Amino acid sequence: MAIYLAFMEIWRNRSRFFLFSLVIALITTLVLFIAALAQGLSNANIEYLSKLDAQLIVFQKNVDLSASASQINRSSINNIQRVDGILDVGSIGATSGKIVNIPGKDPLDVSLLGVEPMKPGSPTVIAGLPITLSRGNEAVIDQGLSSELGLGLGDSFIIRTIQGTDEKFYSFKVSGITESLEYLYSPSIFLPYMTWDQIRPQSSTRDTNRETVSNFVAVKLKPGSDPILVAKDIQSKVVNVEVVNKKTAYEAVPGYKVQQSTLNTQQGFTLLIGVLVIGGFFLLRFQELPNL
């Protein structure tokens, strides 16, 4: 009986209920769009860091966990490797460049990531071969870049970077394709670390005898090791470093917290508006009912 009366009430005011249902559908769609936007922007900024095969990330001290400002030398990396509880460490260099000379495509901004072969930070490929050498012209690209530019295994492409005031061009061949691993809103290209160090943007005056440095270091722990204790041990034994977990590292990426806070606020206000609209509708319907 209750179901019958409810159906008759809806049918008698079908136009009103249709418009009300449409408003609910539009509000729901808006909430879902904002949630998808927040997730998409988050992935485009920190996808590589969030999927890193490591439990801890080491930055230079007093740089606010900024990968671009952090500089960790090889001797410090060797000292990190000696700390108890650590299974392996991997140097990671991060910079930007452009892919040029792709027929029918405009130059595309990319993140250039230098990684050590078979070390933490080196991506797992889903096709082709991973990086196996510290120097060479083979590169692993992420799936998004492969789809956008139509690059496949064995294809060649050219990267443009700035050396001092001059543009330099470097040719690479796709040796492997990994899952989508965007970093700083750009698709990623993974290069052998020594090659990355050679082509990265830098001043025209270059010291060929300088010590190789990394922007940050990925640390993989032995099973059963306590990340908090290992992080404290690294900071006590290695000078001028700061150790954090992955979540802290990617939340420190420029713009991430502000962006997510803004989108979450918009989503909250949208939900609040939806509750007020729905509540107002039922309140009006209740007031229209005859007194029993």
C-alpha atoms as a PDB file:
ATOM      1  CA  MET A   1       0.000   0.000   0.000  1.00  0.00           C
ATOM      2  CA  ALA A   2       2.811   2.415   0.919  1.00  0.00           C
ATOM      3  CA  ILE A   3       4.581   1.716  -2.354  1.00  0.00           C
ATOM      4  CA  TYR A   4       1.370   2.305  -4.305  1.00  0.00           C
ATOM      5  CA  LEU A   5       0.738   5.637  -2.574  1.00  0.00           C
ATOM      6  CA  ALA A   6       4.328   6.741  -3.159  1.00  0.00           C
ATOM      7  CA  PHE A   7       4.085   5.850  -6.845  1.00  0.00           C
ATOM      8  CA  MET A   8       0.795   7.734  -7.223  1.00  0.00           C
ATOM      9  CA  GLU A   9       2.288  10.773  -5.514  1.00  0.00           C
ATOM     10  CA  ILE A  10       5.261  10.745  -7.878  1.00  0.00           C
ATOM     11  CA  TRP A  11       3.019  10.240 -10.904  1.00  0.00           C
ATOM     12  CA  ARG A  12       0.706  13.077  -9.879  1.00  0.00           C
ATOM     13  CA  ASN A  13       3.706  15.437  -9.603  1.00  0.00           C
ATOM     14  CA  ARG A  14       5.801  13.814 -12.294  1.00  0.00           C
ATOM     15  CA  SER A  15       7.075  17.068 -13.780  1.00  0.00           C
ATOM     16  CA  ARG A  16       8.314  18.293 -10.421  1.00  0.00           C
ATOM     17  CA  PHE A  17       9.905  14.960  -9.567  1.00  0.00           C
ATOM     18  CA  PHE A  18      11.531  14.780 -13.006  1.00  0.00           C
ATOM     19  CA  LEU A  19      13.160  18.189 -12.560  1.00  0.00           C
ATOM     20  CA  PHE A  20      14.218  17.278  -9.042  1.00  0.00           C
ATOM     21  CA  SER A  21      15.786  14.017 -10.251  1.00  0.00           C
ATOM     22  CA  LEU A  22      17.569  15.927 -13.007  1.00  0.00           C
ATOM     23  CA  VAL A  23      19.044  18.339 -10.443  1.00  0.00           C
ATOM     24  CA  ILE A  24      20.298  15.403  -8.345  1.00  0.00           C
ATOM     25  CA  ALA A  25      21.817  13.780 -11.445  1.00  0.00           C
ATOM     26  CA  LEU A  26      23.599  17.014 -12.424  1.00  0.00           C
ATOM     27  CA  ILE A  27      24.972  17.533  -8.907  1.00  0.00           C
ATOM     28  CA  THR A  28      26.167  13.920  -8.796  1.00  0.00           C
ATOM     29  CA  THR A  29      27.837  14.320 -12.191  1.00  0.00           C
ATOM     30  CA  LEU A  30      29.554  17.520 -11.034  1.00  0.00           C
ATOM     31  CA  VAL A  31      30.900  15.796  -7.901  1.00  0.00           C
ATOM     32  CA  LEU A  32      32.215  12.896  -9.993  1.00  0.00           C
ATOM     33  CA  PHE A  33      33.838  15.291 -12.483  1.00  0.00           C
ATOM     34  CA  ILE A  34      35.617  17.170  -9.687  1.00  0.00           C
ATOM     35  CA  ALA A  35      36.787  13.896  -8.112  1.00  0.00           C
ATOM     36  CA  ALA A  36      38.091  12.672 -11.482  1.00  0.00           C
ATOM     37  CA  LEU A  37      39.817  16.018 -12.088  1.00  0.00           C
ATOM     38  CA  ALA A  38      41.531  15.849  -8.697  1.00  0.00           C
ATOM     39  CA  GLN A  39      42.701  12.289  -9.364  1.00  0.00           C
ATOM     40  CA  GLY A  40      43.872  13.111 -12.884  1.00  0.00           C
ATOM     41  CA  LEU A  41      45.852  16.183 -11.830  1.00  0.00           C
ATOM     42  CA  SER A  42      47.335  14.261  -8.911  1.00  0.00           C
ATOM     43  CA  ASN A  43      48.513  11.443 -11.179  1.00  0.00           C
ATOM     44  CA  ALA A  44      49.985  13.850 -13.711  1.00  0.00           C
ATOM     45  CA  ASN A  45      52.058  15.461 -10.968  1.00  0.00           C
ATOM     46  CA  ILE A  46      53.256  12.628  -8.729  1.00  0.00           C
ATOM     47  CA  GLU A  47      52.457   9.338 -10.473  1.00  0.00           C
ATOM     48  CA  TYR A  48      56.111   8.286 -10.736  1.00  0.00           C
ATOM     49  CA  LEU A  49      56.889   9.018  -7.082  1.00  0.00           C
ATOM     50  CA  SER A  50      53.727   7.323  -5.821  1.00  0.00           C
ATOM     51  CA  LYS A  51      54.581   4.103  -7.714  1.00  0.00           C
ATOM     52  CA  LEU A  52      58.271   4.107  -6.839  1.00  0.00           C
ATOM     53  CA  ASP A  53      59.581   0.676  -5.820  1.00  0.00           C
ATOM     54  CA  ALA A  54      61.067   1.957  -2.566  1.00  0.00           C
ATOM     55  CA  GLN A  55      59.997   2.659   0.998  1.00  0.00           C
ATOM     56  CA  LEU A  56      62.151   5.727   1.684  1.00  0.00           C
ATOM     57  CA  ILE A  57      63.401   8.665  -0.365  1.00  0.00           C
ATOM     58  CA  VAL A  58      66.494  10.664   0.526  1.00  0.00           C
ATOM     59  CA  PHE A  59      66.887  14.370  -0.320  1.00  0.00           C
ATOM     60  CA  GLN A  60      69.542  16.924   0.448  1.00  0.00           C
ATOM     61  CA  LYS A  61      68.875  18.636   3.742  1.00  0.00           C
ATOM     62  CA  ASN A  62      67.289  22.109   3.895  1.00  0.00           C
ATOM     63  CA  VAL A  63      65.858  22.146   0.348  1.00  0.00           C
ATOM     64  CA  ASP A  64      62.219  21.586   1.398  1.00  0.00           C
ATOM     65  CA  LEU A  65      62.188  18.167  -0.313  1.00  0.00           C
ATOM     66  CA  SER A  66      62.611  19.830  -3.711  1.00  0.00           C
ATOM     67  CA  ALA A  67      63.975  17.350  -6.257  1.00  0.00           C
ATOM     68  CA  SER A  68      65.285  20.105  -8.516  1.00  0.00           C
ATOM     69  CA  ALA A  69      67.238  21.774  -5.702  1.00  0.00           C
ATOM     70  CA  SER A  70      68.489  18.596  -4.023  1.00  0.00           C
ATOM     71  CA  GLN A  71      72.049  17.441  -4.789  1.00  0.00           C
ATOM     72  CA  ILE A  72      73.391  14.196  -3.283  1.00  0.00           C
ATOM     73  CA  ASN A  73      76.930  13.122  -4.167  1.00  0.00           C
ATOM     74  CA  ARG A  74      78.155   9.587  -4.808  1.00  0.00           C
ATOM     75  CA  SER A  75      80.030   9.290  -1.513  1.00  0.00           C
ATOM     76  CA  SER A  76      76.830  10.031   0.424  1.00  0.00           C
ATOM     77  CA  ILE A  77      74.975   7.401  -1.609  1.00  0.00           C
ATOM     78  CA  ASN A  78      77.662   4.846  -0.760  1.00  0.00           C
ATOM     79  CA  ASN A  79      77.291   5.720   2.933  1.00  0.00           C
ATOM     80  CA  ILE A  80      73.527   5.277   2.711  1.00  0.00           C
ATOM     81  CA  GLN A  81      74.015   1.811   1.217  1.00  0.00           C
ATOM     82  CA  ARG A  82      76.030   0.732   4.277  1.00  0.00           C
ATOM     83  CA  VAL A  83      73.239   1.472   6.779  1.00  0.00           C
ATOM     84  CA  ASP A  84      71.715  -1.617   8.403  1.00  0.00           C
ATOM     85  CA  GLY A  85      68.312  -2.679   7.137  1.00  0.00           C
ATOM     86  CA  ILE A  86      68.787  -1.385   3.589  1.00  0.00           C
ATOM     87  CA  LEU A  87      68.479  -3.850   0.725  1.00  0.00           C
ATOM     88  CA  ASP A  88      69.409  -1.527  -2.151  1.00  0.00           C
ATOM     89  CA  VAL A  89      69.553   2.131  -3.173  1.00  0.00           C
ATOM     90  CA  GLY A  90      69.163   3.836  -6.531  1.00  0.00           C
ATOM     91  CA  SER A  91      70.252   7.280  -7.721  1.00  0.00           C
ATOM     92  CA  ILE A  92      67.570   9.267  -9.524  1.00  0.00           C
ATOM     93  CA  GLY A  93      68.020  12.426 -11.538  1.00  0.00           C
ATOM     94  CA  ALA A  94      65.061  14.527 -12.631  1.00  0.00           C
ATOM     95  CA  THR A  95      64.900  17.301 -15.193  1.00  0.00           C
ATOM     96  CA  SER A  96      62.853  18.306 -18.226  1.00  0.00           C
ATOM     97  CA  GLY A  97      63.292  18.425 -21.981  1.00  0.00           C
ATOM     98  CA  LYS A  98      61.367  18.289 -25.240  1.00  0.00           C
ATOM     99  CA  ILE A  99      60.796  15.621 -27.839  1.00  0.00           C
ATOM    100  CA  VAL A 100      61.141  17.127 -31.305  1.00  0.00           C
ATOM    101  CA  ASN A 101      61.054  16.015 -34.932  1.00  0.00           C
ATOM    102  CA  ILE A 102      58.105  13.637 -34.575  1.00  0.00           C
ATOM    103  CA  PRO A 103      56.282  13.870 -37.952  1.00  0.00           C
ATOM    104  CA  GLY A 104      52.928  15.603 -37.594  1.00  0.00           C
ATOM    105  CA  LYS A 105      53.488  16.406 -33.907  1.00  0.00           C
ATOM    106  CA  ASP A 106      54.463  19.603 -32.107  1.00  0.00           C
ATOM    107  CA  PRO A 107      57.443  19.538 -29.704  1.00  0.00           C
ATOM    108  CA  LEU A 108      56.293  17.869 -26.489  1.00  0.00           C
ATOM    109  CA  ASP A 109      57.473  18.629 -22.953  1.00  0.00           C
ATOM    110  CA  VAL A 110      58.686  15.511 -21.139  1.00  0.00           C
ATOM    111  CA  SER A 111      60.228  14.639 -17.788  1.00  0.00           C
ATOM    112  CA  LEU A 112      63.697  13.170 -18.188  1.00  0.00           C
ATOM    113  CA  LEU A 113      64.516  10.734 -15.385  1.00  0.00           C
ATOM    114  CA  GLY A 114      67.992   9.291 -15.007  1.00  0.00           C
ATOM    115  CA  VAL A 115      68.020   5.903 -13.260  1.00  0.00           C
ATOM    116  CA  GLU A 116      70.570   3.239 -12.461  1.00  0.00           C
ATOM    117  CA  PRO A 117      70.031  -0.146 -14.142  1.00  0.00           C
ATOM    118  CA  MET A 118      68.220  -2.741 -12.029  1.00  0.00           C
ATOM    119  CA  LYS A 119      68.137  -0.387  -9.019  1.00  0.00           C
ATOM    120  CA  PRO A 120      65.232   1.164  -7.081  1.00  0.00           C
ATOM    121  CA  GLY A 121      63.735   3.888  -9.251  1.00  0.00           C
ATOM    122  CA  SER A 122      64.267   2.007 -12.496  1.00  0.00           C
ATOM    123  CA  PRO A 123      60.823   1.267 -14.008  1.00  0.00           C
ATOM    124  CA  THR A 124      59.404  -2.185 -14.646  1.00  0.00           C
ATOM    125  CA  VAL A 125      58.690  -2.550 -18.356  1.00  0.00           C
ATOM    126  CA  ILE A 126      55.487  -4.012 -19.781  1.00  0.00           C
ATOM    127  CA  ALA A 127      57.054  -4.428 -23.234  1.00  0.00           C
ATOM    128  CA  GLY A 128      60.621  -4.622 -24.494  1.00  0.00           C
ATOM    129  CA  LEU A 129      63.730  -4.472 -22.312  1.00  0.00           C
ATOM    130  CA  PRO A 130      64.530  -2.461 -19.156  1.00  0.00           C
ATOM    131  CA  ILE A 131      67.560  -0.216 -18.794  1.00  0.00           C
ATOM    132  CA  THR A 132      70.610  -2.459 -18.351  1.00  0.00           C
ATOM    133  CA  LEU A 133      73.532  -0.068 -18.916  1.00  0.00           C
ATOM    134  CA  SER A 134      74.682   3.099 -17.163  1.00  0.00           C
ATOM    135  CA  ARG A 135      75.368   4.822 -20.478  1.00  0.00           C
ATOM    136  CA  GLY A 136      73.805   4.446 -23.922  1.00  0.00           C
ATOM    137  CA  ASN A 137      71.215   5.775 -26.351  1.00  0.00           C
ATOM    138  CA  GLU A 138      68.393   3.431 -25.361  1.00  0.00           C
ATOM    139  CA  ALA A 139      65.436   4.721 -23.389  1.00  0.00           C
ATOM    140  CA  VAL A 140      62.313   3.433 -21.662  1.00  0.00           C
ATOM    141  CA  ILE A 141      59.189   5.546 -22.241  1.00  0.00           C
ATOM    142  CA  ASP A 142      55.893   5.470 -20.407  1.00  0.00           C
ATOM    143  CA  GLN A 143      52.699   4.137 -21.954  1.00  0.00           C
ATOM    144  CA  GLY A 144      51.062   7.546 -22.203  1.00  0.00           C
ATOM    145  CA  LEU A 145      53.912   8.937 -24.268  1.00  0.00           C
ATOM    146  CA  SER A 146      53.902   5.865 -26.495  1.00  0.00           C
ATOM    147  CA  SER A 147      50.188   6.318 -27.207  1.00  0.00           C
ATOM    148  CA  GLU A 148      50.365  10.096 -27.697  1.00  0.00           C
ATOM    149  CA  LEU A 149      53.268  10.076 -30.157  1.00  0.00           C
ATOM    150  CA  GLY A 150      52.800   6.623 -31.652  1.00  0.00           C
ATOM    151  CA  LEU A 151      56.258   5.481 -30.553  1.00  0.00           C
ATOM    152  CA  GLY A 152      56.898   1.746 -30.386  1.00  0.00           C
ATOM    153  CA  LEU A 153      59.795  -0.559 -29.611  1.00  0.00           C
ATOM    154  CA  GLY A 154      62.811   0.207 -31.792  1.00  0.00           C
ATOM    155  CA  ASP A 155      61.540   3.651 -32.864  1.00  0.00           C
ATOM    156  CA  SER A 156      63.908   6.604 -32.647  1.00  0.00           C
ATOM    157  CA  PHE A 157      63.202  10.078 -31.307  1.00  0.00           C
ATOM    158  CA  ILE A 158      65.164  13.253 -30.587  1.00  0.00           C
ATOM    159  CA  ILE A 159      65.366  15.065 -27.254  1.00  0.00           C
ATOM    160  CA  ARG A 160      66.197  18.775 -27.124  1.00  0.00           C
ATOM    161  CA  THR A 161      67.760  20.297 -24.005  1.00  0.00           C
ATOM    162  CA  ILE A 162      69.512  23.595 -23.243  1.00  0.00           C
ATOM    163  CA  GLN A 163      73.270  23.520 -22.627  1.00  0.00           C
ATOM    164  CA  GLY A 164      74.247  26.989 -21.502  1.00  0.00           C
ATOM    165  CA  THR A 165      72.622  29.241 -24.111  1.00  0.00           C
ATOM    166  CA  ASP A 166      72.620  26.658 -26.904  1.00  0.00           C
ATOM    167  CA  GLU A 167      70.106  24.037 -27.916  1.00  0.00           C
ATOM    168  CA  LYS A 168      71.472  20.505 -28.047  1.00  0.00           C
ATOM    169  CA  PHE A 169      69.819  17.535 -29.747  1.00  0.00           C
ATOM    170  CA  TYR A 170      70.234  13.879 -28.747  1.00  0.00           C
ATOM    171  CA  SER A 171      68.906  10.814 -30.521  1.00  0.00           C
ATOM    172  CA  PHE A 172      67.487   7.844 -28.603  1.00  0.00           C
ATOM    173  CA  LYS A 173      65.835   4.536 -29.415  1.00  0.00           C
ATOM    174  CA  VAL A 174      62.892   3.030 -27.537  1.00  0.00           C
ATOM    175  CA  SER A 175      64.099  -0.143 -25.834  1.00  0.00           C
ATOM    176  CA  GLY A 176      61.135  -0.597 -23.510  1.00  0.00           C
ATOM    177  CA  ILE A 177      57.695   0.705 -22.550  1.00  0.00           C
ATOM    178  CA  THR A 178      56.488   1.000 -18.971  1.00  0.00           C
ATOM    179  CA  GLU A 179      53.090   1.812 -17.465  1.00  0.00           C
ATOM    180  CA  SER A 180      51.997   5.438 -17.194  1.00  0.00           C
ATOM    181  CA  LEU A 181      54.474   7.167 -14.841  1.00  0.00           C
ATOM    182  CA  GLU A 182      53.937  10.890 -15.302  1.00  0.00           C
ATOM    183  CA  TYR A 183      55.989  13.355 -13.285  1.00  0.00           C
ATOM    184  CA  LEU A 184      55.374  17.096 -12.941  1.00  0.00           C
ATOM    185  CA  TYR A 185      52.482  17.029 -15.443  1.00  0.00           C
ATOM    186  CA  SER A 186      54.604  15.487 -18.199  1.00  0.00           C
ATOM    187  CA  PRO A 187      55.059  11.961 -19.556  1.00  0.00           C
ATOM    188  CA  SER A 188      58.323  10.373 -18.489  1.00  0.00           C
ATOM    189  CA  ILE A 189      61.377   9.155 -20.374  1.00  0.00           C
ATOM    190  CA  PHE A 190      63.837   6.996 -18.432  1.00  0.00           C
ATOM    191  CA  LEU A 191      67.488   7.193 -19.427  1.00  0.00           C
ATOM    192  CA  PRO A 192      70.679   5.482 -18.229  1.00  0.00           C
ATOM    193  CA  TYR A 193      71.971   7.643 -15.406  1.00  0.00           C
ATOM    194  CA  MET A 194      75.315   8.625 -16.947  1.00  0.00           C
ATOM    195  CA  THR A 195      73.587   9.526 -20.205  1.00  0.00           C
ATOM    196  CA  TRP A 196      71.034  11.617 -18.333  1.00  0.00           C
ATOM    197  CA  ASP A 197      73.852  13.433 -16.543  1.00  0.00           C
ATOM    198  CA  GLN A 198      75.434  14.257 -19.897  1.00  0.00           C
ATOM    199  CA  ILE A 199      72.352  15.646 -21.640  1.00  0.00           C
ATOM    200  CA  ARG A 200      70.548  17.380 -18.772  1.00  0.00           C
ATOM    201  CA  PRO A 201      70.237  21.192 -18.956  1.00  0.00           C
ATOM    202  CA  GLN A 202      73.320  22.791 -17.424  1.00  0.00           C
ATOM    203  CA  SER A 203      75.678  25.714 -17.737  1.00  0.00           C
ATOM    204  CA  SER A 204      78.038  25.964 -20.697  1.00  0.00           C
ATOM    205  CA  THR A 205      81.071  25.754 -18.411  1.00  0.00           C
ATOM    206  CA  ARG A 206      81.145  22.132 -17.394  1.00  0.00           C
ATOM    207  CA  ASP A 207      83.711  20.381 -15.223  1.00  0.00           C
ATOM    208  CA  THR A 208      84.286  16.949 -16.725  1.00  0.00           C
ATOM    209  CA  ASN A 209      86.075  15.806 -13.560  1.00  0.00           C
ATOM    210  CA  ARG A 210      83.262  16.694 -11.180  1.00  0.00           C
ATOM    211  CA  GLU A 211      81.634  14.069  -8.994  1.00  0.00           C
ATOM    212  CA  THR A 212      78.329  12.703 -10.250  1.00  0.00           C
ATOM    213  CA  VAL A 213      75.374  13.873  -8.168  1.00  0.00           C
ATOM    214  CA  SER A 214      71.766  12.752  -7.853  1.00  0.00           C
ATOM    215  CA  ASN A 215      68.633  14.767  -7.196  1.00  0.00           C
ATOM    216  CA  PHE A 216      67.290  12.161  -4.792  1.00  0.00           C
ATOM    217  CA  VAL A 217      67.855   8.538  -3.801  1.00  0.00           C
ATOM    218  CA  ALA A 218      65.313   5.716  -3.629  1.00  0.00           C
ATOM    219  CA  VAL A 219      65.882   3.318  -0.729  1.00  0.00           C
ATOM    220  CA  LYS A 220      64.487  -0.224  -0.677  1.00  0.00           C
ATOM    221  CA  LEU A 221      64.477  -1.919   2.738  1.00  0.00           C
ATOM    222  CA  LYS A 222      65.100  -5.491   3.736  1.00  0.00           C
ATOM    223  CA  PRO A 223      61.952  -7.443   4.726  1.00  0.00           C
ATOM    224  CA  GLY A 224      61.047  -6.699   8.334  1.00  0.00           C
ATOM    225  CA  SER A 225      63.034  -3.479   8.588  1.00  0.00           C
ATOM    226  CA  ASP A 226      61.313  -0.577  10.334  1.00  0.00           C
ATOM    227  CA  PRO A 227      61.225   2.431   7.954  1.00  0.00           C
ATOM    228  CA  ILE A 228      61.174   4.937  10.823  1.00  0.00           C
ATOM    229  CA  LEU A 229      64.224   3.450  12.533  1.00  0.00           C
ATOM    230  CA  VAL A 230      66.140   3.099   9.253  1.00  0.00           C
ATOM    231  CA  ALA A 231      65.341   6.719   8.324  1.00  0.00           C
ATOM    232  CA  LYS A 232      66.686   7.941  11.683  1.00  0.00           C
ATOM    233  CA  ASP A 233      69.782   5.771  11.245  1.00  0.00           C
ATOM    234  CA  ILE A 234      70.485   7.242   7.793  1.00  0.00           C
ATOM    235  CA  GLN A 235      70.176  10.803   9.056  1.00  0.00           C
ATOM    236  CA  SER A 236      72.490  10.086  11.996  1.00  0.00           C
ATOM    237  CA  LYS A 237      75.201   8.430   9.879  1.00  0.00           C
ATOM    238  CA  VAL A 238      75.042  10.441   6.628  1.00  0.00           C
ATOM    239  CA  VAL A 239      75.543  14.187   6.783  1.00  0.00           C
ATOM    240  CA  ASN A 240      73.355  16.776   5.070  1.00  0.00           C
ATOM    241  CA  VAL A 241      70.454  14.485   4.079  1.00  0.00           C
ATOM    242  CA  GLU A 242      66.743  14.307   4.897  1.00  0.00           C
ATOM    243  CA  VAL A 243      64.858  11.013   4.733  1.00  0.00           C
ATOM    244  CA  VAL A 244      61.093  10.729   4.202  1.00  0.00           C
ATOM    245  CA  ASN A 245      58.563   8.150   3.074  1.00  0.00           C
ATOM    246  CA  LYS A 246      56.981   8.236  -0.385  1.00  0.00           C
ATOM    247  CA  LYS A 247      53.776   9.950   0.741  1.00  0.00           C
ATOM    248  CA  THR A 248      55.680  12.814   2.349  1.00  0.00           C
ATOM    249  CA  ALA A 249      57.893  13.099  -0.728  1.00  0.00           C
ATOM    250  CA  TYR A 250      55.100  13.430  -3.276  1.00  0.00           C
ATOM    251  CA  GLU A 251      53.033  15.723  -1.061  1.00  0.00           C
ATOM    252  CA  ALA A 252      56.024  18.104  -1.148  1.00  0.00           C
ATOM    253  CA  VAL A 253      55.960  18.304  -4.955  1.00  0.00           C
ATOM    254  CA  PRO A 254      55.344  21.966  -5.932  1.00  0.00           C
ATOM    255  CA  GLY A 255      51.654  22.790  -6.175  1.00  0.00           C
ATOM    256  CA  TYR A 256      50.378  19.384  -5.046  1.00  0.00           C
ATOM    257  CA  LYS A 257      48.929  20.321  -1.637  1.00  0.00           C
ATOM    258  CA  VAL A 258      47.412  23.615  -2.822  1.00  0.00           C
ATOM    259  CA  GLN A 259      45.880  21.941  -5.855  1.00  0.00           C
ATOM    260  CA  GLN A 260      44.356  19.078  -3.888  1.00  0.00           C
ATOM    261  CA  SER A 261      43.105  21.418  -1.151  1.00  0.00           C
ATOM    262  CA  THR A 262      41.329  23.616  -3.709  1.00  0.00           C
ATOM    263  CA  LEU A 263      39.683  20.675  -5.473  1.00  0.00           C
ATOM    264  CA  ASN A 264      38.633  19.052  -2.192  1.00  0.00           C
ATOM    265  CA  THR A 265      37.069  22.340  -1.069  1.00  0.00           C
ATOM    266  CA  GLN A 266      35.127  22.584  -4.335  1.00  0.00           C
ATOM    267  CA  GLN A 267      33.949  19.008  -3.941  1.00  0.00           C
ATOM    268  CA  GLY A 268      32.826  19.656  -0.353  1.00  0.00           C
ATOM    269  CA  PHE A 269      30.850  22.758  -1.318  1.00  0.00           C
ATOM    270  CA  THR A 270      29.215  20.868  -4.178  1.00  0.00           C
ATOM    271  CA  LEU A 271      28.096  18.131  -1.792  1.00  0.00           C
ATOM    272  CA  LEU A 272      26.800  20.753   0.645  1.00  0.00           C
ATOM    273  CA  ILE A 273      24.788  22.444  -2.119  1.00  0.00           C
ATOM    274  CA  GLY A 274      23.351  19.063  -3.087  1.00  0.00           C
ATOM    275  CA  VAL A 275      22.274  18.334   0.480  1.00  0.00           C
ATOM    276  CA  LEU A 276      20.624  21.766   0.797  1.00  0.00           C
ATOM    277  CA  VAL A 277      18.768  21.383  -2.510  1.00  0.00           C
ATOM    278  CA  ILE A 278      17.485  17.895  -1.685  1.00  0.00           C
ATOM    279  CA  GLY A 279      16.611  18.875   1.879  1.00  0.00           C
ATOM    280  CA  GLY A 280      14.783  21.970   0.669  1.00  0.00           C
ATOM    281  CA  PHE A 281      12.734  19.940  -1.794  1.00  0.00           C
ATOM    282  CA  PHE A 282      11.547  17.445   0.828  1.00  0.00           C
ATOM    283  CA  LEU A 283      10.843  20.252   3.300  1.00  0.00           C
ATOM    284  CA  LEU A 284       8.558  21.947   0.793  1.00  0.00           C
ATOM    285  CA  ARG A 285       6.817  18.669   0.006  1.00  0.00           C
ATOM    286  CA  PHE A 286       6.278  18.018   3.713  1.00  0.00           C
ATOM    287  CA  GLN A 287       4.730  21.472   4.201  1.00  0.00           C
ATOM    288  CA  GLU A 288       2.355  20.871   1.291  1.00  0.00           C
ATOM    289  CA  LEU A 289       0.963  17.669   2.820  1.00  0.00           C
ATOM    290  CA  PRO A 290      -2.422  18.054   4.528  1.00  0.00           C
ATOM    291  CA  ASN A 291      -2.504  17.837   8.306  1.00  0.00           C
ATOM    292  CA  LEU A 292      -3.609  14.410   9.412  1.00  0.00           C
END
